[in-house]
PDB file of all heavy atoms in Angstrom:
ATOM      1  N   SER A   1       7.180   1.985  23.970  1.00  0.00           N
ATOM      2  CA  SER A   1       7.892   3.264  23.900  1.00  0.00           C
ATOM      3  C   SER A   1       7.740   3.975  22.560  1.00  0.00           C
ATOM      4  O   SER A   1       7.867   5.189  22.495  1.00  0.00           O
ATOM      5  CB  SER A   1       9.372   3.098  24.260  1.00  0.00           C
ATOM      6  OG  SER A   1      10.023   2.262  23.357  1.00  0.00           O
ATOM      7  N   THR A   2       7.424   3.272  21.491  1.00  0.00           N
ATOM      8  CA  THR A   2       7.181   3.945  20.208  1.00  0.00           C
ATOM      9  C   THR A   2       5.772   4.528  20.137  1.00  0.00           C
ATOM     10  O   THR A   2       5.485   5.336  19.262  1.00  0.00           O
ATOM     11  CB  THR A   2       7.426   2.995  19.022  1.00  0.00           C
ATOM     12  OG1 THR A   2       6.666   1.796  19.206  1.00  0.00           O
ATOM     13  CG2 THR A   2       8.900   2.669  18.864  1.00  0.00           C
ATOM     14  N   ALA A   3       4.905   4.126  21.027  1.00  0.00           N
ATOM     15  CA  ALA A   3       3.574   4.721  21.212  1.00  0.00           C
ATOM     16  C   ALA A   3       2.785   4.925  19.918  1.00  0.00           C
ATOM     17  O   ALA A   3       2.175   5.957  19.699  1.00  0.00           O
ATOM     18  CB  ALA A   3       3.685   6.037  21.973  1.00  0.00           C
ATOM     19  N   GLY A   4       2.797   3.933  19.055  1.00  0.00           N
ATOM     20  CA  GLY A   4       2.011   3.995  17.832  1.00  0.00           C
ATOM     21  C   GLY A   4       2.762   4.466  16.599  1.00  0.00           C
ATOM     22  O   GLY A   4       2.195   4.491  15.510  1.00  0.00           O
ATOM     23  N   LEU A   5       4.019   4.822  16.744  1.00  0.00           N
ATOM     24  CA  LEU A   5       4.782   5.315  15.591  1.00  0.00           C
ATOM     25  C   LEU A   5       4.997   4.253  14.517  1.00  0.00           C
ATOM     26  O   LEU A   5       5.037   4.575  13.325  1.00  0.00           O
ATOM     27  CB  LEU A   5       6.140   5.875  16.033  1.00  0.00           C
ATOM     28  CG  LEU A   5       6.116   7.248  16.679  1.00  0.00           C
ATOM     29  CD1 LEU A   5       7.491   7.612  17.222  1.00  0.00           C
ATOM     30  CD2 LEU A   5       5.636   8.296  15.688  1.00  0.00           C
ATOM     31  N   ILE A   6       5.142   2.995  14.923  1.00  0.00           N
ATOM     32  CA  ILE A   6       5.329   1.932  13.927  1.00  0.00           C
ATOM     33  C   ILE A   6       4.117   1.886  13.008  1.00  0.00           C
ATOM     34  O   ILE A   6       4.239   1.950  11.785  1.00  0.00           O
ATOM     35  CB  ILE A   6       5.570   0.565  14.600  1.00  0.00           C
ATOM     36  CG1 ILE A   6       6.863   0.587  15.429  1.00  0.00           C
ATOM     37  CG2 ILE A   6       5.629  -0.552  13.563  1.00  0.00           C
ATOM     38  CD1 ILE A   6       7.056  -0.634  16.325  1.00  0.00           C
ATOM     39  N   ALA A   7       2.925   1.801  13.594  1.00  0.00           N
ATOM     40  CA  ALA A   7       1.691   1.764  12.801  1.00  0.00           C
ATOM     41  C   ALA A   7       1.508   3.069  12.031  1.00  0.00           C
ATOM     42  O   ALA A   7       1.091   3.062  10.868  1.00  0.00           O
ATOM     43  CB  ALA A   7       0.496   1.492  13.701  1.00  0.00           C
ATOM     44  N   SER A   8       1.831   4.189  12.651  1.00  0.00           N
ATOM     45  CA  SER A   8       1.667   5.485  12.001  1.00  0.00           C
ATOM     46  C   SER A   8       2.560   5.627  10.766  1.00  0.00           C
ATOM     47  O   SER A   8       2.116   6.133   9.736  1.00  0.00           O
ATOM     48  CB  SER A   8       1.965   6.609  12.994  1.00  0.00           C
ATOM     49  OG  SER A   8       1.807   7.863  12.384  1.00  0.00           O
ATOM     50  N   LEU A   9       3.796   5.186  10.873  1.00  0.00           N
ATOM     51  CA  LEU A   9       4.699   5.260   9.719  1.00  0.00           C
ATOM     52  C   LEU A   9       4.177   4.413   8.563  1.00  0.00           C
ATOM     53  O   LEU A   9       4.276   4.815   7.399  1.00  0.00           O
ATOM     54  CB  LEU A   9       6.111   4.816  10.105  1.00  0.00           C
ATOM     55  CG  LEU A   9       6.886   5.783  10.995  1.00  0.00           C
ATOM     56  CD1 LEU A   9       8.163   5.124  11.522  1.00  0.00           C
ATOM     57  CD2 LEU A   9       7.216   7.068  10.245  1.00  0.00           C
ATOM     58  N   LEU A  10       3.615   3.254   8.872  1.00  0.00           N
ATOM     59  CA  LEU A  10       3.021   2.431   7.810  1.00  0.00           C
ATOM     60  C   LEU A  10       1.781   3.094   7.231  1.00  0.00           C
ATOM     61  O   LEU A  10       1.572   3.092   6.026  1.00  0.00           O
ATOM     62  CB  LEU A  10       2.643   1.051   8.336  1.00  0.00           C
ATOM     63  CG  LEU A  10       3.746   0.026   8.405  1.00  0.00           C
ATOM     64  CD1 LEU A  10       3.189  -1.312   8.862  1.00  0.00           C
ATOM     65  CD2 LEU A  10       4.466  -0.128   7.089  1.00  0.00           C
ATOM     66  N   ALA A  11       0.945   3.668   8.107  1.00  0.00           N
ATOM     67  CA  ALA A  11      -0.294   4.290   7.656  1.00  0.00           C
ATOM     68  C   ALA A  11      -0.046   5.490   6.748  1.00  0.00           C
ATOM     69  O   ALA A  11      -0.926   5.863   5.970  1.00  0.00           O
ATOM     70  CB  ALA A  11      -1.137   4.699   8.854  1.00  0.00           C
ATOM     71  N   ASP A  12       1.142   6.077   6.812  1.00  0.00           N
ATOM     72  CA  ASP A  12       1.500   7.187   5.924  1.00  0.00           C
ATOM     73  C   ASP A  12       1.652   6.747   4.469  1.00  0.00           C
ATOM     74  O   ASP A  12       1.618   7.570   3.560  1.00  0.00           O
ATOM     75  CB  ASP A  12       2.812   7.841   6.371  1.00  0.00           C
ATOM     76  CG  ASP A  12       2.658   8.700   7.615  1.00  0.00           C
ATOM     77  OD1 ASP A  12       1.517   9.059   7.972  1.00  0.00           O
ATOM     78  OD2 ASP A  12       3.700   9.013   8.232  1.00  0.00           O
ATOM     79  N   VAL A  13       1.820   5.449   4.245  1.00  0.00           N
ATOM     80  CA  VAL A  13       2.088   4.925   2.903  1.00  0.00           C
ATOM     81  C   VAL A  13       0.773   4.576   2.210  1.00  0.00           C
ATOM     82  O   VAL A  13      -0.023   3.809   2.757  1.00  0.00           O
ATOM     83  CB  VAL A  13       2.991   3.666   2.980  1.00  0.00           C
ATOM     84  CG1 VAL A  13       3.236   3.087   1.591  1.00  0.00           C
ATOM     85  CG2 VAL A  13       4.305   3.993   3.673  1.00  0.00           C
ATOM     86  N   PRO A  14       0.547   5.122   1.010  1.00  0.00           N
ATOM     87  CA  PRO A  14      -0.657   4.740   0.264  1.00  0.00           C
ATOM     88  C   PRO A  14      -0.696   3.224   0.051  1.00  0.00           C
ATOM     89  O   PRO A  14       0.319   2.602  -0.250  1.00  0.00           O
ATOM     90  CB  PRO A  14      -0.492   5.467  -1.082  1.00  0.00           C
ATOM     91  CG  PRO A  14       0.413   6.619  -0.777  1.00  0.00           C
ATOM     92  CD  PRO A  14       1.354   6.115   0.287  1.00  0.00           C
ATOM     93  N   GLY A  15      -1.865   2.630   0.259  1.00  0.00           N
ATOM     94  CA  GLY A  15      -2.025   1.192   0.093  1.00  0.00           C
ATOM     95  C   GLY A  15      -1.766   0.394   1.357  1.00  0.00           C
ATOM     96  O   GLY A  15      -1.927  -0.832   1.357  1.00  0.00           O
ATOM     97  N   SER A  16      -1.404   1.064   2.439  1.00  0.00           N
ATOM     98  CA  SER A  16      -1.090   0.348   3.675  1.00  0.00           C
ATOM     99  C   SER A  16      -2.305  -0.328   4.288  1.00  0.00           C
ATOM    100  O   SER A  16      -2.167  -1.283   5.059  1.00  0.00           O
ATOM    101  CB  SER A  16      -0.450   1.282   4.698  1.00  0.00           C
ATOM    102  OG  SER A  16      -1.343   2.336   5.024  1.00  0.00           O
ATOM    103  N   GLY A  17      -3.501   0.130   3.931  1.00  0.00           N
ATOM    104  CA  GLY A  17      -4.712  -0.471   4.473  1.00  0.00           C
ATOM    105  C   GLY A  17      -4.869  -1.938   4.124  1.00  0.00           C
ATOM    106  O   GLY A  17      -5.546  -2.677   4.831  1.00  0.00           O
ATOM    107  N   SER A  18      -4.205  -2.373   3.067  1.00  0.00           N
ATOM    108  CA  SER A  18      -4.298  -3.777   2.679  1.00  0.00           C
ATOM    109  C   SER A  18      -3.431  -4.686   3.537  1.00  0.00           C
ATOM    110  O   SER A  18      -3.588  -5.904   3.506  1.00  0.00           O
ATOM    111  CB  SER A  18      -3.910  -3.947   1.206  1.00  0.00           C
ATOM    112  OG  SER A  18      -2.522  -3.683   1.039  1.00  0.00           O
ATOM    113  N   CYS A  19      -2.531  -4.102   4.313  1.00  0.00           N
ATOM    114  CA  CYS A  19      -1.608  -4.951   5.079  1.00  0.00           C
ATOM    115  C   CYS A  19      -1.484  -4.583   6.556  1.00  0.00           C
ATOM    116  O   CYS A  19      -0.810  -5.295   7.298  1.00  0.00           O
ATOM    117  CB  CYS A  19      -0.234  -4.957   4.418  1.00  0.00           C
ATOM    118  SG  CYS A  19       0.547  -3.355   4.305  1.00  0.00           S
ATOM    119  N   LEU A  20      -2.120  -3.527   7.002  1.00  0.00           N
ATOM    120  CA  LEU A  20      -2.066  -3.142   8.411  1.00  0.00           C
ATOM    121  C   LEU A  20      -3.390  -3.522   9.063  1.00  0.00           C
ATOM    122  O   LEU A  20      -4.446  -3.015   8.692  1.00  0.00           O
ATOM    123  CB  LEU A  20      -1.806  -1.643   8.540  1.00  0.00           C
ATOM    124  CG  LEU A  20      -1.654  -1.085   9.958  1.00  0.00           C
ATOM    125  CD1 LEU A  20      -0.530  -1.789  10.713  1.00  0.00           C
ATOM    126  CD2 LEU A  20      -1.380   0.414   9.894  1.00  0.00           C
ATOM    127  N   ASP A  21      -3.328  -4.451  10.024  1.00  0.00           N
ATOM    128  CA  ASP A  21      -4.546  -4.972  10.645  1.00  0.00           C
ATOM    129  C   ASP A  21      -4.916  -4.177  11.886  1.00  0.00           C
ATOM    130  O   ASP A  21      -5.895  -3.436  11.881  1.00  0.00           O
ATOM    131  CB  ASP A  21      -4.363  -6.456  10.982  1.00  0.00           C
ATOM    132  CG  ASP A  21      -5.606  -7.078  11.586  1.00  0.00           C
ATOM    133  OD1 ASP A  21      -6.722  -6.761  11.127  1.00  0.00           O
ATOM    134  OD2 ASP A  21      -5.471  -7.885  12.520  1.00  0.00           O
ATOM    135  N   ILE A  22      -4.167  -4.328  12.963  1.00  0.00           N
ATOM    136  CA  ILE A  22      -4.467  -3.656  14.223  1.00  0.00           C
ATOM    137  C   ILE A  22      -3.184  -3.148  14.863  1.00  0.00           C
ATOM    138  O   ILE A  22      -2.090  -3.628  14.551  1.00  0.00           O
ATOM    139  CB  ILE A  22      -5.206  -4.569  15.228  1.00  0.00           C
ATOM    140  CG1 ILE A  22      -4.368  -5.816  15.538  1.00  0.00           C
ATOM    141  CG2 ILE A  22      -6.588  -4.941  14.740  1.00  0.00           C
ATOM    142  CD1 ILE A  22      -4.924  -6.682  16.636  1.00  0.00           C
ATOM    143  N   GLY A  23      -3.342  -2.175  15.759  1.00  0.00           N
ATOM    144  CA  GLY A  23      -2.200  -1.677  16.508  1.00  0.00           C
ATOM    145  C   GLY A  23      -2.599  -1.382  17.937  1.00  0.00           C
ATOM    146  O   GLY A  23      -3.685  -0.858  18.190  1.00  0.00           O
ATOM    147  N   PHE A  24      -1.735  -1.754  18.852  1.00  0.00           N
ATOM    148  CA  PHE A  24      -1.955  -1.503  20.266  1.00  0.00           C
ATOM    149  C   PHE A  24      -0.856  -0.616  20.801  1.00  0.00           C
ATOM    150  O   PHE A  24       0.320  -0.809  20.478  1.00  0.00           O
ATOM    151  CB  PHE A  24      -1.926  -2.807  21.079  1.00  0.00           C
ATOM    152  CG  PHE A  24      -3.138  -3.647  20.896  1.00  0.00           C
ATOM    153  CD1 PHE A  24      -3.164  -4.631  19.931  1.00  0.00           C
ATOM    154  CD2 PHE A  24      -4.265  -3.449  21.678  1.00  0.00           C
ATOM    155  CE1 PHE A  24      -4.282  -5.406  19.745  1.00  0.00           C
ATOM    156  CE2 PHE A  24      -5.392  -4.223  21.500  1.00  0.00           C
ATOM    157  CZ  PHE A  24      -5.400  -5.209  20.532  1.00  0.00           C
ATOM    158  N   ILE A  25      -1.244   0.349  21.624  1.00  0.00           N
ATOM    159  CA  ILE A  25      -0.279   1.113  22.410  1.00  0.00           C
ATOM    160  C   ILE A  25      -0.497   0.665  23.843  1.00  0.00           C
ATOM    161  O   ILE A  25      -1.568   0.893  24.416  1.00  0.00           O
ATOM    162  CB  ILE A  25      -0.495   2.633  22.271  1.00  0.00           C
ATOM    163  CG1 ILE A  25      -0.325   3.051  20.824  1.00  0.00           C
ATOM    164  CG2 ILE A  25       0.473   3.386  23.185  1.00  0.00           C
ATOM    165  CD1 ILE A  25      -0.745   4.478  20.540  1.00  0.00           C
ATOM    166  N   VAL A  26       0.488  -0.009  24.385  1.00  0.00           N
ATOM    167  CA  VAL A  26       0.387  -0.543  25.739  1.00  0.00           C
ATOM    168  C   VAL A  26       1.582  -0.043  26.535  1.00  0.00           C
ATOM    169  O   VAL A  26       2.592  -0.698  26.664  1.00  0.00           O
ATOM    170  CB  VAL A  26       0.293  -2.086  25.749  1.00  0.00           C
ATOM    171  CG1 VAL A  26      -1.080  -2.542  25.319  1.00  0.00           C
ATOM    172  CG2 VAL A  26       1.343  -2.707  24.855  1.00  0.00           C
ATOM    173  N   TYR A  27       1.432   1.151  27.040  1.00  0.00           N
ATOM    174  CA  TYR A  27       2.502   1.830  27.774  1.00  0.00           C
ATOM    175  C   TYR A  27       2.660   1.285  29.186  1.00  0.00           C
ATOM    176  O   TYR A  27       3.760   1.071  29.658  1.00  0.00           O
ATOM    177  CB  TYR A  27       2.169   3.325  27.824  1.00  0.00           C
ATOM    178  CG  TYR A  27       3.294   4.225  27.423  1.00  0.00           C
ATOM    179  CD1 TYR A  27       3.814   4.201  26.130  1.00  0.00           C
ATOM    180  CD2 TYR A  27       3.832   5.138  28.320  1.00  0.00           C
ATOM    181  CE1 TYR A  27       4.833   5.043  25.761  1.00  0.00           C
ATOM    182  CE2 TYR A  27       4.859   5.987  27.956  1.00  0.00           C
ATOM    183  CZ  TYR A  27       5.354   5.936  26.672  1.00  0.00           C
ATOM    184  OH  TYR A  27       6.368   6.771  26.308  1.00  0.00           O
ATOM    185  N   SER A  28       1.571   1.050  29.862  1.00  0.00           N
ATOM    186  CA  SER A  28       1.620   0.666  31.274  1.00  0.00           C
ATOM    187  C   SER A  28       1.718  -0.846  31.447  1.00  0.00           C
ATOM    188  O   SER A  28       1.276  -1.609  30.584  1.00  0.00           O
ATOM    189  CB  SER A  28       0.372   1.167  32.000  1.00  0.00           C
ATOM    190  OG  SER A  28      -0.747   0.399  31.597  1.00  0.00           O
ATOM    191  N   PRO A  29       2.260  -1.279  32.585  1.00  0.00           N
ATOM    192  CA  PRO A  29       2.263  -2.714  32.882  1.00  0.00           C
ATOM    193  C   PRO A  29       0.842  -3.293  32.906  1.00  0.00           C
ATOM    194  O   PRO A  29       0.618  -4.409  32.437  1.00  0.00           O
ATOM    195  CB  PRO A  29       2.906  -2.795  34.275  1.00  0.00           C
ATOM    196  CG  PRO A  29       3.769  -1.579  34.365  1.00  0.00           C
ATOM    197  CD  PRO A  29       3.023  -0.516  33.608  1.00  0.00           C
ATOM    198  N   THR A  30      -0.116  -2.531  33.425  1.00  0.00           N
ATOM    199  CA  THR A  30      -1.499  -2.985  33.468  1.00  0.00           C
ATOM    200  C   THR A  30      -2.040  -3.228  32.060  1.00  0.00           C
ATOM    201  O   THR A  30      -2.677  -4.243  31.798  1.00  0.00           O
ATOM    202  CB  THR A  30      -2.386  -1.964  34.206  1.00  0.00           C
ATOM    203  OG1 THR A  30      -1.841  -1.761  35.503  1.00  0.00           O
ATOM    204  CG2 THR A  30      -3.821  -2.437  34.315  1.00  0.00           C
TER     205      THR A  30
END
């Protein structure tokens, strides 16, 4: 339901590339 906002909020911070690995948006059951 956050649809990438968690990763996006981190990516807004300078230096986040050193600690953010991957992000998935998985909205559907499939």
